[in-house]
Amino acid sequence: MFYVYVLQSLKDDKLYTGFTNNLQKRILKHNLGKVFSTKSRQPLKLIYVEICLNQKDAKQKEKYLKTGSGKTLIKQRLKYYFKDYYK
């Protein structure tokens, strides 16, 4: 299985989207500063996950979630999370 995930930086509130076949290991790497793109944005919190049965589907979903429409989808799906988070 493959996981498409969204992390939120608790330092600057920005979102990071990625995919992996080992979610726990990947999040640990992010929070240990071993991922270049999130190294300076720790700590990171997992806020969204989708499971895909194959890598191509996960890659396609990750690519979509990084677009404007994909970011809008995440904000709609997590509407109440963001509403409560920014109180």
Protein backbone atom coordinates (compact mmCIF):
# COMPACT_ATOMS: atom_id res chain seq x y z
CA MET A 1 0.00 0.00 0.00
CA PHE A 2 1.00 3.61 -0.58
CA TYR A 3 0.05 6.62 1.45
CA VAL A 4 -0.51 10.16 0.22
CA TYR A 5 -0.14 12.50 3.15
CA VAL A 6 -0.28 16.15 4.13
CA LEU A 7 1.84 17.54 6.92
CA GLN A 8 1.41 20.91 8.59
CA SER A 9 4.42 22.79 9.89
CA LEU A 10 3.77 23.93 13.44
CA LYS A 11 6.51 26.51 12.90
CA ASP A 12 4.98 28.39 9.94
CA ASP A 13 1.60 26.63 9.37
CA LYS A 14 2.54 25.75 5.77
CA LEU A 15 1.47 22.42 4.30
CA TYR A 16 3.66 19.74 2.71
CA THR A 17 2.26 16.94 0.54
CA GLY A 18 4.06 13.68 -0.21
CA PHE A 19 3.62 9.96 -0.71
CA THR A 20 5.34 6.87 0.68
CA ASN A 21 4.95 3.16 1.23
CA ASN A 22 5.97 3.47 4.91
CA LEU A 23 4.10 6.32 6.55
CA GLN A 24 5.53 6.05 10.07
CA LYS A 25 9.12 5.94 8.83
CA ARG A 26 8.57 8.87 6.45
CA ILE A 27 7.01 11.12 9.11
CA LEU A 28 9.86 10.28 11.46
CA LYS A 29 12.37 11.30 8.76
CA HIS A 30 10.52 14.58 8.27
CA ASN A 31 10.59 15.34 12.00
CA LEU A 32 14.25 14.36 12.36
CA GLY A 33 15.20 16.88 9.68
CA LYS A 34 16.25 14.24 7.14
CA VAL A 35 13.96 15.52 4.36
CA PHE A 36 15.41 18.57 2.61
CA SER A 37 12.10 20.26 1.78
CA THR A 38 10.85 20.23 5.38
CA LYS A 39 14.15 20.37 7.26
CA SER A 40 13.68 23.97 8.42
CA ARG A 41 9.94 23.68 9.10
CA GLN A 42 9.85 21.31 12.07
CA PRO A 43 7.94 20.17 13.97
CA LEU A 44 5.44 18.71 11.51
CA LYS A 45 2.01 17.29 12.22
CA LEU A 46 0.20 14.73 10.08
CA ILE A 47 -3.19 16.19 9.20
CA TYR A 48 -4.39 14.12 6.21
CA VAL A 49 -3.81 10.65 4.74
CA GLU A 50 -5.18 8.72 1.76
CA ILE A 51 -4.38 5.09 1.03
CA CYS A 52 -3.71 3.89 -2.51
CA LEU A 53 -3.19 0.33 -3.64
CA ASN A 54 -0.43 1.12 -6.11
CA GLN A 55 2.36 3.63 -6.54
CA LYS A 56 1.08 5.20 -9.76
CA ASP A 57 -2.24 6.14 -8.16
CA ALA A 58 -0.45 7.59 -5.12
CA LYS A 59 1.92 9.63 -7.29
CA GLN A 60 -0.99 10.96 -9.35
CA LYS A 61 -2.92 11.93 -6.21
CA GLU A 62 0.12 13.63 -4.70
CA LYS A 63 0.63 15.62 -7.88
CA TYR A 64 -3.04 16.67 -7.88
CA LEU A 65 -3.00 17.73 -4.22
CA LYS A 66 -0.07 20.04 -4.98
CA THR A 67 -2.15 21.98 -7.54
CA GLY A 68 -4.45 24.89 -6.70
CA SER A 69 -7.50 22.65 -7.03
CA GLY A 70 -5.89 20.01 -4.84
CA LYS A 71 -5.04 22.54 -2.14
CA THR A 72 -8.64 23.77 -2.25
CA LEU A 73 -9.84 20.16 -1.85
CA ILE A 74 -7.66 19.68 1.24
CA LYS A 75 -8.93 22.92 2.75
CA GLN A 76 -12.53 21.83 2.11
CA ARG A 77 -11.98 18.33 3.51
CA LEU A 78 -10.29 19.75 6.61
CA LYS A 79 -12.61 22.72 6.96
CA TYR A 80 -13.38 22.12 10.62
CA TYR A 81 -9.78 21.25 11.48
CA PHE A 82 -8.58 24.60 10.11
CA LYS A 83 -11.52 26.45 11.67
CA ASP A 84 -10.65 25.04 15.10
CA TYR A 85 -6.88 25.37 14.57
CA TYR A 86 -7.00 29.10 13.82
CA LYS A 87 -9.30 30.05 16.71
